[in-house]
Amino acid sequence: MMLTNYSPSTHNVKFLRTLSEGCDTRLIDAWPRENKHDRRCFELLKRAYVKARYSEHYKITEEELQWLGIRVEALQSLVEEVCTERLEKLAGEVGRG
């Protein structure tokens, strides 16, 4: 992770989400948890890493996949914003130092 220089060797996206959100709370907005649909779709993403590749029983609807795509785009935008701010802050510190 850019902000902490810590890269855990895990594919558990729920754990990685928690770590990321702890670094900057704006990242919470990427994965809403307000309703059952939101939580179910995130769970599908979490399980997809292994099951979608190795199990013929993994199922996801087109609507769920589209929702996940929108959330991934939101995450990308938020991460870009957070990282850009961090880089600008570091550049300012170097310029003053």
PDB file of N, CA and C in Angstrom:
ATOM      1  N   MET A   1       0.837  -1.172   0.000  1.00  0.00           N
ATOM      2  CA  MET A   1       0.000   0.000   0.000  1.00  0.00           C
ATOM      3  C   MET A   1       0.888   1.244   0.000  1.00  0.00           C
ATOM      4  N   MET A   2       0.504   2.170  -0.802  1.00  0.00           N
ATOM      5  CA  MET A   2       1.332   3.351  -0.967  1.00  0.00           C
ATOM      6  C   MET A   2       1.495   4.163   0.310  1.00  0.00           C
ATOM      7  N   LEU A   3       0.475   4.265   1.108  1.00  0.00           N
ATOM      8  CA  LEU A   3       0.532   5.130   2.280  1.00  0.00           C
ATOM      9  C   LEU A   3       1.302   4.517   3.444  1.00  0.00           C
ATOM     10  N   THR A   4       1.404   3.201   3.474  1.00  0.00           N
ATOM     11  CA  THR A   4       2.020   2.546   4.622  1.00  0.00           C
ATOM     12  C   THR A   4       3.260   1.730   4.277  1.00  0.00           C
ATOM     13  N   ASN A   5       3.475   1.473   2.994  1.00  0.00           N
ATOM     14  CA  ASN A   5       4.568   0.614   2.543  1.00  0.00           C
ATOM     15  C   ASN A   5       4.414  -0.811   3.075  1.00  0.00           C
ATOM     16  N   TYR A   6       3.177  -1.206   3.321  1.00  0.00           N
ATOM     17  CA  TYR A   6       2.873  -2.550   3.816  1.00  0.00           C
ATOM     18  C   TYR A   6       2.013  -3.250   2.779  1.00  0.00           C
ATOM     19  N   SER A   7       2.477  -4.381   2.287  1.00  0.00           N
ATOM     20  CA  SER A   7       1.742  -5.158   1.298  1.00  0.00           C
ATOM     21  C   SER A   7       1.543  -6.575   1.814  1.00  0.00           C
ATOM     22  N   PRO A   8       0.427  -6.800   2.488  1.00  0.00           N
ATOM     23  CA  PRO A   8       0.196  -8.150   2.997  1.00  0.00           C
ATOM     24  C   PRO A   8      -0.004  -9.131   1.849  1.00  0.00           C
ATOM     25  N   SER A   9       0.488 -10.326   2.032  1.00  0.00           N
ATOM     26  CA  SER A   9       0.326 -11.347   0.989  1.00  0.00           C
ATOM     27  C   SER A   9      -0.962 -12.116   1.241  1.00  0.00           C
ATOM     28  N   THR A  10      -2.058 -11.469   0.880  1.00  0.00           N
ATOM     29  CA  THR A  10      -3.370 -12.073   1.021  1.00  0.00           C
ATOM     30  C   THR A  10      -4.226 -11.650  -0.154  1.00  0.00           C
ATOM     31  N   HIS A  11      -5.190 -12.485  -0.474  1.00  0.00           N
ATOM     32  CA  HIS A  11      -6.152 -12.160  -1.524  1.00  0.00           C
ATOM     33  C   HIS A  11      -7.528 -11.927  -0.915  1.00  0.00           C
ATOM     34  N   ASN A  12      -7.581 -11.791   0.392  1.00  0.00           N
ATOM     35  CA  ASN A  12      -8.843 -11.552   1.081  1.00  0.00           C
ATOM     36  C   ASN A  12      -9.203 -10.076   0.930  1.00  0.00           C
ATOM     37  N   VAL A  13     -10.090  -9.776  -0.020  1.00  0.00           N
ATOM     38  CA  VAL A  13     -10.395  -8.376  -0.307  1.00  0.00           C
ATOM     39  C   VAL A  13     -11.102  -7.683   0.853  1.00  0.00           C
ATOM     40  N   LYS A  14     -11.781  -8.432   1.690  1.00  0.00           N
ATOM     41  CA  LYS A  14     -12.420  -7.806   2.857  1.00  0.00           C
ATOM     42  C   LYS A  14     -11.339  -7.292   3.821  1.00  0.00           C
ATOM     43  N   PHE A  15     -10.322  -8.089   4.051  1.00  0.00           N
ATOM     44  CA  PHE A  15      -9.210  -7.678   4.904  1.00  0.00           C
ATOM     45  C   PHE A  15      -8.477  -6.484   4.288  1.00  0.00           C
ATOM     46  N   LEU A  16      -8.218  -6.548   2.976  1.00  0.00           N
ATOM     47  CA  LEU A  16      -7.528  -5.454   2.296  1.00  0.00           C
ATOM     48  C   LEU A  16      -8.369  -4.180   2.308  1.00  0.00           C
ATOM     49  N   ARG A  17      -9.691  -4.338   2.169  1.00  0.00           N
ATOM     50  CA  ARG A  17     -10.587  -3.184   2.244  1.00  0.00           C
ATOM     51  C   ARG A  17     -10.467  -2.514   3.612  1.00  0.00           C
ATOM     52  N   THR A  18     -10.474  -3.322   4.667  1.00  0.00           N
ATOM     53  CA  THR A  18     -10.373  -2.790   6.018  1.00  0.00           C
ATOM     54  C   THR A  18      -9.056  -2.049   6.222  1.00  0.00           C
ATOM     55  N   LEU A  19      -7.959  -2.627   5.752  1.00  0.00           N
ATOM     56  CA  LEU A  19      -6.656  -1.960   5.858  1.00  0.00           C
ATOM     57  C   LEU A  19      -6.658  -0.624   5.117  1.00  0.00           C
ATOM     58  N   SER A  20      -7.182  -0.634   3.918  1.00  0.00           N
ATOM     59  CA  SER A  20      -7.207   0.580   3.095  1.00  0.00           C
ATOM     60  C   SER A  20      -8.056   1.667   3.724  1.00  0.00           C
ATOM     61  N   GLU A  21      -9.223   1.288   4.204  1.00  0.00           N
ATOM     62  CA  GLU A  21     -10.122   2.266   4.804  1.00  0.00           C
ATOM     63  C   GLU A  21      -9.540   2.847   6.086  1.00  0.00           C
ATOM     64  N   GLY A  22      -8.688   2.086   6.739  1.00  0.00           N
ATOM     65  CA  GLY A  22      -8.008   2.589   7.921  1.00  0.00           C
ATOM     66  C   GLY A  22      -6.972   3.655   7.579  1.00  0.00           C
ATOM     67  N   CYS A  23      -6.453   3.620   6.366  1.00  0.00           N
ATOM     68  CA  CYS A  23      -5.473   4.619   5.921  1.00  0.00           C
ATOM     69  C   CYS A  23      -6.147   5.922   5.513  1.00  0.00           C
ATOM     70  N   ASP A  24      -7.306   5.814   4.917  1.00  0.00           N
ATOM     71  CA  ASP A  24      -8.050   7.011   4.504  1.00  0.00           C
ATOM     72  C   ASP A  24      -9.530   6.654   4.444  1.00  0.00           C
ATOM     73  N   THR A  25     -10.303   7.299   5.283  1.00  0.00           N
ATOM     74  CA  THR A  25     -11.730   6.949   5.404  1.00  0.00           C
ATOM     75  C   THR A  25     -12.543   7.282   4.159  1.00  0.00           C
ATOM     76  N   ARG A  26     -12.004   8.092   3.262  1.00  0.00           N
ATOM     77  CA  ARG A  26     -12.728   8.350   2.010  1.00  0.00           C
ATOM     78  C   ARG A  26     -12.936   7.070   1.210  1.00  0.00           C
ATOM     79  N   LEU A  27     -12.061   6.086   1.404  1.00  0.00           N
ATOM     80  CA  LEU A  27     -12.169   4.830   0.661  1.00  0.00           C
ATOM     81  C   LEU A  27     -13.400   4.026   1.060  1.00  0.00           C
ATOM     82  N   ILE A  28     -13.982   4.339   2.188  1.00  0.00           N
ATOM     83  CA  ILE A  28     -15.217   3.658   2.622  1.00  0.00           C
ATOM     84  C   ILE A  28     -16.315   3.849   1.585  1.00  0.00           C
ATOM     85  N   ASP A  29     -16.314   5.004   0.933  1.00  0.00           N
ATOM     86  CA  ASP A  29     -17.358   5.307  -0.054  1.00  0.00           C
ATOM     87  C   ASP A  29     -17.338   4.374  -1.257  1.00  0.00           C
ATOM     88  N   ALA A  30     -16.218   3.720  -1.507  1.00  0.00           N
ATOM     89  CA  ALA A  30     -16.119   2.834  -2.667  1.00  0.00           C
ATOM     90  C   ALA A  30     -17.006   1.602  -2.538  1.00  0.00           C
ATOM     91  N   TRP A  31     -17.185   1.129  -1.318  1.00  0.00           N
ATOM     92  CA  TRP A  31     -17.955  -0.101  -1.097  1.00  0.00           C
ATOM     93  C   TRP A  31     -19.084   0.145  -0.102  1.00  0.00           C
ATOM     94  N   PRO A  32     -20.221   0.629  -0.585  1.00  0.00           N
ATOM     95  CA  PRO A  32     -21.354   0.889   0.316  1.00  0.00           C
ATOM     96  C   PRO A  32     -21.799  -0.387   1.023  1.00  0.00           C
ATOM     97  N   ARG A  33     -22.338  -0.197   2.211  1.00  0.00           N
ATOM     98  CA  ARG A  33     -22.805  -1.339   3.013  1.00  0.00           C
ATOM     99  C   ARG A  33     -24.226  -1.106   3.513  1.00  0.00           C
ATOM    100  N   GLU A  34     -24.936  -0.166   2.899  1.00  0.00           N
ATOM    101  CA  GLU A  34     -26.231   0.260   3.410  1.00  0.00           C
ATOM    102  C   GLU A  34     -27.314  -0.808   3.322  1.00  0.00           C
ATOM    103  N   ASN A  35     -27.209  -1.688   2.337  1.00  0.00           N
ATOM    104  CA  ASN A  35     -28.293  -2.664   2.179  1.00  0.00           C
ATOM    105  C   ASN A  35     -27.735  -4.046   1.840  1.00  0.00           C
ATOM    106  N   LYS A  36     -28.639  -4.985   1.841  1.00  0.00           N
ATOM    107  CA  LYS A  36     -28.270  -6.388   1.616  1.00  0.00           C
ATOM    108  C   LYS A  36     -27.627  -6.576   0.240  1.00  0.00           C
ATOM    109  N   HIS A  37     -28.132  -5.890  -0.768  1.00  0.00           N
ATOM    110  CA  HIS A  37     -27.584  -6.007  -2.123  1.00  0.00           C
ATOM    111  C   HIS A  37     -26.110  -5.584  -2.149  1.00  0.00           C
ATOM    112  N   ASP A  38     -25.802  -4.445  -1.516  1.00  0.00           N
ATOM    113  CA  ASP A  38     -24.418  -3.964  -1.469  1.00  0.00           C
ATOM    114  C   ASP A  38     -23.501  -4.991  -0.814  1.00  0.00           C
ATOM    115  N   ARG A  39     -23.929  -5.499   0.311  1.00  0.00           N
ATOM    116  CA  ARG A  39     -23.105  -6.464   1.051  1.00  0.00           C
ATOM    117  C   ARG A  39     -22.971  -7.772   0.274  1.00  0.00           C
ATOM    118  N   ARG A  40     -24.032  -8.209  -0.387  1.00  0.00           N
ATOM    119  CA  ARG A  40     -23.993  -9.448  -1.170  1.00  0.00           C
ATOM    120  C   ARG A  40     -23.019  -9.305  -2.345  1.00  0.00           C
ATOM    121  N   CYS A  41     -23.078  -8.182  -3.030  1.00  0.00           N
ATOM    122  CA  CYS A  41     -22.187  -7.989  -4.178  1.00  0.00           C
ATOM    123  C   CYS A  41     -20.729  -7.965  -3.746  1.00  0.00           C
ATOM    124  N   PHE A  42     -20.439  -7.313  -2.623  1.00  0.00           N
ATOM    125  CA  PHE A  42     -19.065  -7.312  -2.152  1.00  0.00           C
ATOM    126  C   PHE A  42     -18.629  -8.729  -1.787  1.00  0.00           C
ATOM    127  N   GLU A  43     -19.510  -9.481  -1.184  1.00  0.00           N
ATOM    128  CA  GLU A  43     -19.201 -10.874  -0.841  1.00  0.00           C
ATOM    129  C   GLU A  43     -18.932 -11.685  -2.106  1.00  0.00           C
ATOM    130  N   LEU A  44     -19.678 -11.421  -3.172  1.00  0.00           N
ATOM    131  CA  LEU A  44     -19.429 -12.099  -4.449  1.00  0.00           C
ATOM    132  C   LEU A  44     -18.034 -11.766  -4.971  1.00  0.00           C
ATOM    133  N   LEU A  45     -17.636 -10.521  -4.827  1.00  0.00           N
ATOM    134  CA  LEU A  45     -16.291 -10.120  -5.233  1.00  0.00           C
ATOM    135  C   LEU A  45     -15.246 -10.857  -4.401  1.00  0.00           C
ATOM    136  N   LYS A  46     -15.477 -10.900  -3.109  1.00  0.00           N
ATOM    137  CA  LYS A  46     -14.544 -11.573  -2.206  1.00  0.00           C
ATOM    138  C   LYS A  46     -14.377 -13.051  -2.583  1.00  0.00           C
ATOM    139  N   ARG A  47     -15.483 -13.709  -2.870  1.00  0.00           N
ATOM    140  CA  ARG A  47     -15.426 -15.132  -3.205  1.00  0.00           C
ATOM    141  C   ARG A  47     -14.949 -15.377  -4.629  1.00  0.00           C
ATOM    142  N   ALA A  48     -15.060 -14.375  -5.483  1.00  0.00           N
ATOM    143  CA  ALA A  48     -14.731 -14.552  -6.902  1.00  0.00           C
ATOM    144  C   ALA A  48     -13.274 -14.901  -7.132  1.00  0.00           C
ATOM    145  N   TYR A  49     -12.407 -14.404  -6.289  1.00  0.00           N
ATOM    146  CA  TYR A  49     -10.984 -14.605  -6.546  1.00  0.00           C
ATOM    147  C   TYR A  49     -10.636 -16.077  -6.726  1.00  0.00           C
ATOM    148  N   VAL A  50     -11.197 -16.937  -5.907  1.00  0.00           N
ATOM    149  CA  VAL A  50     -10.911 -18.361  -6.024  1.00  0.00           C
ATOM    150  C   VAL A  50     -12.036 -19.085  -6.754  1.00  0.00           C
ATOM    151  N   LYS A  51     -13.251 -18.881  -6.314  1.00  0.00           N
ATOM    152  CA  LYS A  51     -14.359 -19.671  -6.841  1.00  0.00           C
ATOM    153  C   LYS A  51     -14.647 -19.413  -8.311  1.00  0.00           C
ATOM    154  N   ALA A  52     -14.518 -18.186  -8.763  1.00  0.00           N
ATOM    155  CA  ALA A  52     -14.814 -17.897 -10.167  1.00  0.00           C
ATOM    156  C   ALA A  52     -13.812 -18.577 -11.089  1.00  0.00           C
ATOM    157  N   ARG A  53     -12.616 -18.818 -10.581  1.00  0.00           N
ATOM    158  CA  ARG A  53     -11.600 -19.465 -11.406  1.00  0.00           C
ATOM    159  C   ARG A  53     -11.649 -20.988 -11.322  1.00  0.00           C
ATOM    160  N   TYR A  54     -12.045 -21.521 -10.170  1.00  0.00           N
ATOM    161  CA  TYR A  54     -11.901 -22.953  -9.951  1.00  0.00           C
ATOM    162  C   TYR A  54     -13.205 -23.715  -9.727  1.00  0.00           C
ATOM    163  N   SER A  55     -14.314 -23.011  -9.634  1.00  0.00           N
ATOM    164  CA  SER A  55     -15.570 -23.702  -9.366  1.00  0.00           C
ATOM    165  C   SER A  55     -16.615 -23.354 -10.417  1.00  0.00           C
ATOM    166  N   GLU A  56     -17.209 -24.362 -10.962  1.00  0.00           N
ATOM    167  CA  GLU A  56     -18.278 -24.137 -11.937  1.00  0.00           C
ATOM    168  C   GLU A  56     -19.570 -23.685 -11.246  1.00  0.00           C
ATOM    169  N   HIS A  57     -19.576 -23.685  -9.926  1.00  0.00           N
ATOM    170  CA  HIS A  57     -20.777 -23.333  -9.169  1.00  0.00           C
ATOM    171  C   HIS A  57     -20.856 -21.850  -8.820  1.00  0.00           C
ATOM    172  N   TYR A  58     -19.816 -21.106  -9.104  1.00  0.00           N
ATOM    173  CA  TYR A  58     -19.838 -19.664  -8.816  1.00  0.00           C
ATOM    174  C   TYR A  58     -20.799 -18.989  -9.787  1.00  0.00           C
ATOM    175  N   LYS A  59     -21.710 -18.215  -9.257  1.00  0.00           N
ATOM    176  CA  LYS A  59     -22.712 -17.530 -10.076  1.00  0.00           C
ATOM    177  C   LYS A  59     -22.757 -16.054  -9.715  1.00  0.00           C
ATOM    178  N   ILE A  60     -22.890 -15.222 -10.728  1.00  0.00           N
ATOM    179  CA  ILE A  60     -23.070 -13.790 -10.532  1.00  0.00           C
ATOM    180  C   ILE A  60     -23.970 -13.295 -11.658  1.00  0.00           C
ATOM    181  N   THR A  61     -24.899 -12.423 -11.320  1.00  0.00           N
ATOM    182  CA  THR A  61     -25.812 -11.899 -12.337  1.00  0.00           C
ATOM    183  C   THR A  61     -25.151 -10.736 -13.068  1.00  0.00           C
ATOM    184  N   GLU A  62     -25.708 -10.399 -14.212  1.00  0.00           N
ATOM    185  CA  GLU A  62     -25.201  -9.261 -14.967  1.00  0.00           C
ATOM    186  C   GLU A  62     -25.348  -7.977 -14.150  1.00  0.00           C
ATOM    187  N   GLU A  63     -26.457  -7.835 -13.445  1.00  0.00           N
ATOM    188  CA  GLU A  63     -26.684  -6.652 -12.602  1.00  0.00           C
ATOM    189  C   GLU A  63     -25.625  -6.552 -11.503  1.00  0.00           C
ATOM    190  N   GLU A  64     -25.317  -7.679 -10.854  1.00  0.00           N
ATOM    191  CA  GLU A  64     -24.303  -7.679  -9.795  1.00  0.00           C
ATOM    192  C   GLU A  64     -22.930  -7.337 -10.364  1.00  0.00           C
ATOM    193  N   LEU A  65     -22.619  -7.881 -11.520  1.00  0.00           N
ATOM    194  CA  LEU A  65     -21.333  -7.616 -12.160  1.00  0.00           C
ATOM    195  C   LEU A  65     -21.220  -6.141 -12.561  1.00  0.00           C
ATOM    196  N   GLN A  66     -22.289  -5.575 -13.064  1.00  0.00           N
ATOM    197  CA  GLN A  66     -22.291  -4.155 -13.415  1.00  0.00           C
ATOM    198  C   GLN A  66     -22.106  -3.292 -12.166  1.00  0.00           C
ATOM    199  N   TRP A  67     -22.780  -3.651 -11.075  1.00  0.00           N
ATOM    200  CA  TRP A  67     -22.632  -2.912  -9.819  1.00  0.00           C
ATOM    201  C   TRP A  67     -21.181  -2.946  -9.364  1.00  0.00           C
ATOM    202  N   LEU A  68     -20.569  -4.120  -9.420  1.00  0.00           N
ATOM    203  CA  LEU A  68     -19.168  -4.247  -9.018  1.00  0.00           C
ATOM    204  C   LEU A  68     -18.256  -3.401  -9.911  1.00  0.00           C
ATOM    205  N   GLY A  69     -18.539  -3.375 -11.203  1.00  0.00           N
ATOM    206  CA  GLY A  69     -17.745  -2.565 -12.120  1.00  0.00           C
ATOM    207  C   GLY A  69     -17.810  -1.084 -11.759  1.00  0.00           C
ATOM    208  N   ILE A  70     -18.991  -0.616 -11.421  1.00  0.00           N
ATOM    209  CA  ILE A  70     -19.167   0.780 -11.010  1.00  0.00           C
ATOM    210  C   ILE A  70     -18.400   1.060  -9.725  1.00  0.00           C
ATOM    211  N   ARG A  71     -18.450   0.129  -8.786  1.00  0.00           N
ATOM    212  CA  ARG A  71     -17.756   0.312  -7.514  1.00  0.00           C
ATOM    213  C   ARG A  71     -16.241   0.289  -7.708  1.00  0.00           C
ATOM    214  N   VAL A  72     -15.747  -0.565  -8.602  1.00  0.00           N
ATOM    215  CA  VAL A  72     -14.305  -0.610  -8.882  1.00  0.00           C
ATOM    216  C   VAL A  72     -13.857   0.718  -9.491  1.00  0.00           C
ATOM    217  N   GLU A  73     -14.659   1.279 -10.388  1.00  0.00           N
ATOM    218  CA  GLU A  73     -14.329   2.584 -10.961  1.00  0.00           C
ATOM    219  C   GLU A  73     -14.303   3.658  -9.875  1.00  0.00           C
ATOM    220  N   ALA A  74     -15.256   3.604  -8.947  1.00  0.00           N
ATOM    221  CA  ALA A  74     -15.274   4.556  -7.832  1.00  0.00           C
ATOM    222  C   ALA A  74     -14.027   4.387  -6.970  1.00  0.00           C
ATOM    223  N   LEU A  75     -13.653   3.138  -6.706  1.00  0.00           N
ATOM    224  CA  LEU A  75     -12.448   2.863  -5.925  1.00  0.00           C
ATOM    225  C   LEU A  75     -11.209   3.420  -6.630  1.00  0.00           C
ATOM    226  N   GLN A  76     -11.112   3.206  -7.932  1.00  0.00           N
ATOM    227  CA  GLN A  76      -9.961   3.724  -8.678  1.00  0.00           C
ATOM    228  C   GLN A  76      -9.858   5.236  -8.546  1.00  0.00           C
ATOM    229  N   SER A  77     -10.972   5.924  -8.672  1.00  0.00           N
ATOM    230  CA  SER A  77     -10.970   7.389  -8.554  1.00  0.00           C
ATOM    231  C   SER A  77     -10.546   7.834  -7.166  1.00  0.00           C
ATOM    232  N   LEU A  78     -11.084   7.169  -6.145  1.00  0.00           N
ATOM    233  CA  LEU A  78     -10.736   7.530  -4.774  1.00  0.00           C
ATOM    234  C   LEU A  78      -9.270   7.260  -4.478  1.00  0.00           C
ATOM    235  N   VAL A  79      -8.766   6.131  -4.927  1.00  0.00           N
ATOM    236  CA  VAL A  79      -7.355   5.794  -4.702  1.00  0.00           C
ATOM    237  C   VAL A  79      -6.460   6.801  -5.416  1.00  0.00           C
ATOM    238  N   GLU A  80      -6.819   7.168  -6.627  1.00  0.00           N
ATOM    239  CA  GLU A  80      -6.036   8.172  -7.354  1.00  0.00           C
ATOM    240  C   GLU A  80      -6.006   9.494  -6.577  1.00  0.00           C
ATOM    241  N   GLU A  81      -7.153   9.899  -6.070  1.00  0.00           N
ATOM    242  CA  GLU A  81      -7.234  11.141  -5.294  1.00  0.00           C
ATOM    243  C   GLU A  81      -6.367  11.079  -4.043  1.00  0.00           C
ATOM    244  N   VAL A  82      -6.483  10.001  -3.293  1.00  0.00           N
ATOM    245  CA  VAL A  82      -5.727   9.842  -2.048  1.00  0.00           C
ATOM    246  C   VAL A  82      -4.227   9.803  -2.335  1.00  0.00           C
ATOM    247  N   CYS A  83      -3.836   9.039  -3.338  1.00  0.00           N
ATOM    248  CA  CYS A  83      -2.404   8.907  -3.644  1.00  0.00           C
ATOM    249  C   CYS A  83      -1.824  10.203  -4.206  1.00  0.00           C
ATOM    250  N   THR A  84      -2.568  10.892  -5.047  1.00  0.00           N
ATOM    251  CA  THR A  84      -2.099  12.168  -5.583  1.00  0.00           C
ATOM    252  C   THR A  84      -1.869  13.165  -4.461  1.00  0.00           C
ATOM    253  N   GLU A  85      -2.812  13.236  -3.533  1.00  0.00           N
ATOM    254  CA  GLU A  85      -2.646  14.131  -2.386  1.00  0.00           C
ATOM    255  C   GLU A  85      -1.402  13.771  -1.584  1.00  0.00           C
ATOM    256  N   ARG A  86      -1.191  12.496  -1.385  1.00  0.00           N
ATOM    257  CA  ARG A  86      -0.029  12.045  -0.613  1.00  0.00           C
ATOM    258  C   ARG A  86       1.269  12.406  -1.331  1.00  0.00           C
ATOM    259  N   LEU A  87       1.312  12.185  -2.633  1.00  0.00           N
ATOM    260  CA  LEU A  87       2.510  12.522  -3.399  1.00  0.00           C
ATOM    261  C   LEU A  87       2.774  14.021  -3.390  1.00  0.00           C
ATOM    262  N   GLU A  88       1.723  14.822  -3.504  1.00  0.00           N
ATOM    263  CA  GLU A  88       1.886  16.271  -3.451  1.00  0.00           C
ATOM    264  C   GLU A  88       2.394  16.715  -2.082  1.00  0.00           C
ATOM    265  N   LYS A  89       1.889  16.089  -1.040  1.00  0.00           N
ATOM    266  CA  LYS A  89       2.355  16.415   0.314  1.00  0.00           C
ATOM    267  C   LYS A  89       3.834  16.062   0.465  1.00  0.00           C
ATOM    268  N   LEU A  90       4.219  14.890  -0.009  1.00  0.00           N
ATOM    269  CA  LEU A  90       5.617  14.478   0.076  1.00  0.00           C
ATOM    270  C   LEU A  90       6.512  15.391  -0.745  1.00  0.00           C
ATOM    271  N   ALA A  91       6.065  15.807  -1.924  1.00  0.00           N
ATOM    272  CA  ALA A  91       6.849  16.694  -2.768  1.00  0.00           C
ATOM    273  C   ALA A  91       7.034  18.039  -2.066  1.00  0.00           C
ATOM    274  N   GLY A  92       5.997  18.505  -1.394  1.00  0.00           N
ATOM    275  CA  GLY A  92       6.102  19.750  -0.636  1.00  0.00           C
ATOM    276  C   GLY A  92       7.079  19.646   0.495  1.00  0.00           C
ATOM    277  N   GLU A  93       7.084  18.504   1.162  1.00  0.00           N
ATOM    278  CA  GLU A  93       8.021  18.300   2.281  1.00  0.00           C
ATOM    279  C   GLU A  93       9.451  18.257   1.781  1.00  0.00           C
ATOM    280  N   VAL A  94       9.669  17.637   0.644  1.00  0.00           N
ATOM    281  CA  VAL A  94      11.018  17.548   0.067  1.00  0.00           C
ATOM    282  C   VAL A  94      11.468  18.940  -0.356  1.00  0.00           C
ATOM    283  N   GLY A  95      10.553  19.725  -0.936  1.00  0.00           N
ATOM    284  CA  GLY A  95      10.887  21.075  -1.377  1.00  0.00           C
ATOM    285  C   GLY A  95      11.260  21.997  -0.228  1.00  0.00           C
ATOM    286  N   ARG A  96      10.671  21.742   0.928  1.00  0.00           N
ATOM    287  CA  ARG A  96      10.980  22.575   2.112  1.00  0.00           C
ATOM    288  C   ARG A  96      12.214  22.080   2.856  1.00  0.00           C
ATOM    289  N   GLY A  97      12.550  20.815   2.643  1.00  0.00           N
ATOM    290  CA  GLY A  97      13.606  20.198   3.436  1.00  0.00           C
ATOM    291  C   GLY A  97      14.941  20.442   2.918  1.00  0.00           C
TER     292      GLY A  97
END
